[in-house]
């Protein structure tokens, strides 16, 4: 075999190797998107919808683990009343609310 034939085989093999490697990177990128990014975005959308539907009197669980009742709502803050003591009212960001239970209408 002459040297030119060996070089041409090496060049085509190298190109095929690079194409295969790029293909695997694309496959792993799609898997990462499907396993991590997409579920996180769905969960964030569900949390945003929950925060958009809060109202005065709803029972909430904060990120600090405290249960309280929403007294007042502003654009991005809420005032939450904790415990039976009516003097314990704390303003906090809406994003600190983890769970909401709607108030029972009587």
C-alpha atoms as a PDB file:
ATOM      1  CA  UNK A   1       0.000   0.000   0.000  1.00  0.00           C
ATOM      2  CA  UNK A   2       1.307   3.411  -0.747  1.00  0.00           C
ATOM      3  CA  UNK A   3       1.393   6.379   1.594  1.00  0.00           C
ATOM      4  CA  UNK A   4      -1.398   8.307  -0.183  1.00  0.00           C
ATOM      5  CA  UNK A   5      -3.898   5.480   0.340  1.00  0.00           C
ATOM      6  CA  UNK A   6      -3.036   5.300   4.049  1.00  0.00           C
ATOM      7  CA  UNK A   7      -3.493   9.056   4.477  1.00  0.00           C
ATOM      8  CA  UNK A   8      -6.862   9.081   2.732  1.00  0.00           C
ATOM      9  CA  UNK A   9      -8.106   6.206   4.939  1.00  0.00           C
ATOM     10  CA  UNK A  10      -6.954   8.025   8.083  1.00  0.00           C
ATOM     11  CA  UNK A  11      -8.678  11.235   7.013  1.00  0.00           C
ATOM     12  CA  UNK A  12     -12.038   9.593   6.309  1.00  0.00           C
ATOM     13  CA  UNK A  13     -11.860   7.602   9.542  1.00  0.00           C
ATOM     14  CA  UNK A  14     -11.145  10.777  11.507  1.00  0.00           C
ATOM     15  CA  UNK A  15     -14.113  12.583   9.982  1.00  0.00           C
ATOM     16  CA  UNK A  16     -16.431   9.690  10.761  1.00  0.00           C
ATOM     17  CA  UNK A  17     -15.119   9.638  14.333  1.00  0.00           C
ATOM     18  CA  UNK A  18     -15.818  13.331  14.804  1.00  0.00           C
ATOM     19  CA  UNK A  19     -19.325  12.971  13.367  1.00  0.00           C
ATOM     20  CA  UNK A  20     -19.997  10.057  15.717  1.00  0.00           C
ATOM     21  CA  UNK A  21     -18.700  12.036  18.686  1.00  0.00           C
ATOM     22  CA  UNK A  22     -20.888  15.040  17.820  1.00  0.00           C
ATOM     23  CA  UNK A  23     -23.858  12.689  17.472  1.00  0.00           C
ATOM     24  CA  UNK A  24     -23.286  11.299  20.963  1.00  0.00           C
ATOM     25  CA  UNK A  25     -23.004  14.825  22.377  1.00  0.00           C
ATOM     26  CA  UNK A  26     -26.355  15.663  20.799  1.00  0.00           C
ATOM     27  CA  UNK A  27     -27.939  12.495  22.210  1.00  0.00           C
ATOM     28  CA  UNK A  28     -26.645  13.273  25.716  1.00  0.00           C
ATOM     29  CA  UNK A  29     -27.760  16.899  25.392  1.00  0.00           C
ATOM     30  CA  UNK A  30     -31.300  15.825  24.512  1.00  0.00           C
ATOM     31  CA  UNK A  31     -31.335  13.346  27.420  1.00  0.00           C
ATOM     32  CA  UNK A  32     -30.160  16.034  29.855  1.00  0.00           C
ATOM     33  CA  UNK A  33     -32.902  18.362  28.596  1.00  0.00           C
ATOM     34  CA  UNK A  34     -35.590  15.700  29.004  1.00  0.00           C
ATOM     35  CA  UNK A  35     -34.393  14.542  32.431  1.00  0.00           C
ATOM     36  CA  UNK A  36     -33.509  17.822  34.164  1.00  0.00           C
ATOM     37  CA  UNK A  37     -34.536  21.052  32.465  1.00  0.00           C
ATOM     38  CA  UNK A  38     -38.050  20.185  31.275  1.00  0.00           C
ATOM     39  CA  UNK A  39     -39.392  18.762  34.596  1.00  0.00           C
ATOM     40  CA  UNK A  40     -37.921  21.727  36.461  1.00  0.00           C
ATOM     41  CA  UNK A  41     -39.726  24.158  34.163  1.00  0.00           C
ATOM     42  CA  UNK A  42     -43.024  22.275  34.645  1.00  0.00           C
ATOM     43  CA  UNK A  43     -42.634  22.420  38.426  1.00  0.00           C
ATOM     44  CA  UNK A  44     -41.821  26.143  38.275  1.00  0.00           C
ATOM     45  CA  UNK A  45     -44.897  26.803  36.129  1.00  0.00           C
ATOM     46  CA  UNK A  46     -47.078  24.911  38.631  1.00  0.00           C
ATOM     47  CA  UNK A  47     -45.604  26.933  41.535  1.00  0.00           C
ATOM     48  CA  UNK A  48     -46.162  30.220  39.664  1.00  0.00           C
ATOM     49  CA  UNK A  49     -49.796  29.262  38.975  1.00  0.00           C
ATOM     50  CA  UNK A  50     -50.286  28.439  42.660  1.00  0.00           C
ATOM     51  CA  UNK A  51     -48.903  31.845  43.686  1.00  0.00           C
ATOM     52  CA  UNK A  52     -51.099  33.623  41.147  1.00  0.00           C
ATOM     53  CA  UNK A  53     -54.226  32.105  42.718  1.00  0.00           C
ATOM     54  CA  UNK A  54     -53.609  32.934  46.388  1.00  0.00           C
ATOM     55  CA  UNK A  55     -56.164  35.053  48.193  1.00  0.00           C
ATOM     56  CA  UNK A  56     -56.726  36.595  51.607  1.00  0.00           C
ATOM     57  CA  UNK A  57     -57.596  33.970  54.210  1.00  0.00           C
ATOM     58  CA  UNK A  58     -55.707  31.102  52.529  1.00  0.00           C
ATOM     59  CA  UNK A  59     -53.635  28.855  54.771  1.00  0.00           C
ATOM     60  CA  UNK A  60     -50.005  28.645  53.648  1.00  0.00           C
ATOM     61  CA  UNK A  61     -46.815  26.755  54.450  1.00  0.00           C
ATOM     62  CA  UNK A  62     -43.686  28.892  54.133  1.00  0.00           C
ATOM     63  CA  UNK A  63     -40.223  27.778  53.066  1.00  0.00           C
ATOM     64  CA  UNK A  64     -39.169  28.180  56.715  1.00  0.00           C
ATOM     65  CA  UNK A  65     -41.712  25.544  57.748  1.00  0.00           C
ATOM     66  CA  UNK A  66     -44.226  27.904  59.375  1.00  0.00           C
ATOM     67  CA  UNK A  67     -47.978  27.641  58.862  1.00  0.00           C
ATOM     68  CA  UNK A  68     -49.980  30.833  58.662  1.00  0.00           C
ATOM     69  CA  UNK A  69     -52.909  32.701  57.172  1.00  0.00           C
ATOM     70  CA  UNK A  70     -52.579  35.337  54.456  1.00  0.00           C
ATOM     71  CA  UNK A  71     -53.847  38.710  55.683  1.00  0.00           C
ATOM     72  CA  UNK A  72     -52.829  41.039  52.831  1.00  0.00           C
ATOM     73  CA  UNK A  73     -51.356  40.650  49.328  1.00  0.00           C
ATOM     74  CA  UNK A  74     -49.232  43.119  47.342  1.00  0.00           C
ATOM     75  CA  UNK A  75     -47.465  42.636  43.988  1.00  0.00           C
ATOM     76  CA  UNK A  76     -44.654  40.396  45.202  1.00  0.00           C
ATOM     77  CA  UNK A  77     -45.151  40.376  48.971  1.00  0.00           C
ATOM     78  CA  UNK A  78     -47.748  39.006  51.356  1.00  0.00           C
ATOM     79  CA  UNK A  79     -48.447  39.583  55.037  1.00  0.00           C
ATOM     80  CA  UNK A  80     -48.881  36.310  56.891  1.00  0.00           C
ATOM     81  CA  UNK A  81     -50.357  35.912  60.363  1.00  0.00           C
ATOM     82  CA  UNK A  82     -48.832  33.092  62.410  1.00  0.00           C
ATOM     83  CA  UNK A  83     -50.399  31.199  65.320  1.00  0.00           C
ATOM     84  CA  UNK A  84     -53.305  32.266  67.485  1.00  0.00           C
ATOM     85  CA  UNK A  85     -51.605  35.510  68.443  1.00  0.00           C
ATOM     86  CA  UNK A  86     -53.118  38.174  66.190  1.00  0.00           C
ATOM     87  CA  UNK A  87     -50.062  40.398  66.736  1.00  0.00           C
ATOM     88  CA  UNK A  88     -47.660  38.090  64.916  1.00  0.00           C
ATOM     89  CA  UNK A  89     -47.915  39.342  61.330  1.00  0.00           C
ATOM     90  CA  UNK A  90     -44.859  39.097  59.114  1.00  0.00           C
ATOM     91  CA  UNK A  91     -44.397  40.460  55.583  1.00  0.00           C
ATOM     92  CA  UNK A  92     -42.637  38.046  53.227  1.00  0.00           C
ATOM     93  CA  UNK A  93     -42.052  37.436  49.548  1.00  0.00           C
ATOM     94  CA  UNK A  94     -44.602  35.391  47.655  1.00  0.00           C
ATOM     95  CA  UNK A  95     -41.813  33.075  46.506  1.00  0.00           C
ATOM     96  CA  UNK A  96     -41.350  31.937  50.136  1.00  0.00           C
ATOM     97  CA  UNK A  97     -44.750  30.204  50.024  1.00  0.00           C
ATOM     98  CA  UNK A  98     -44.402  26.473  49.378  1.00  0.00           C
ATOM     99  CA  UNK A  99     -47.973  25.187  49.721  1.00  0.00           C
ATOM    100  CA  UNK A 100     -51.414  26.772  49.754  1.00  0.00           C
ATOM    101  CA  UNK A 101     -54.658  25.422  51.184  1.00  0.00           C
ATOM    102  CA  UNK A 102     -57.701  27.435  50.202  1.00  0.00           C
ATOM    103  CA  UNK A 103     -59.845  28.873  52.971  1.00  0.00           C
ATOM    104  CA  UNK A 104     -63.092  27.004  53.633  1.00  0.00           C
ATOM    105  CA  UNK A 105     -66.093  29.182  52.842  1.00  0.00           C
ATOM    106  CA  UNK A 106     -68.923  28.716  55.312  1.00  0.00           C
END
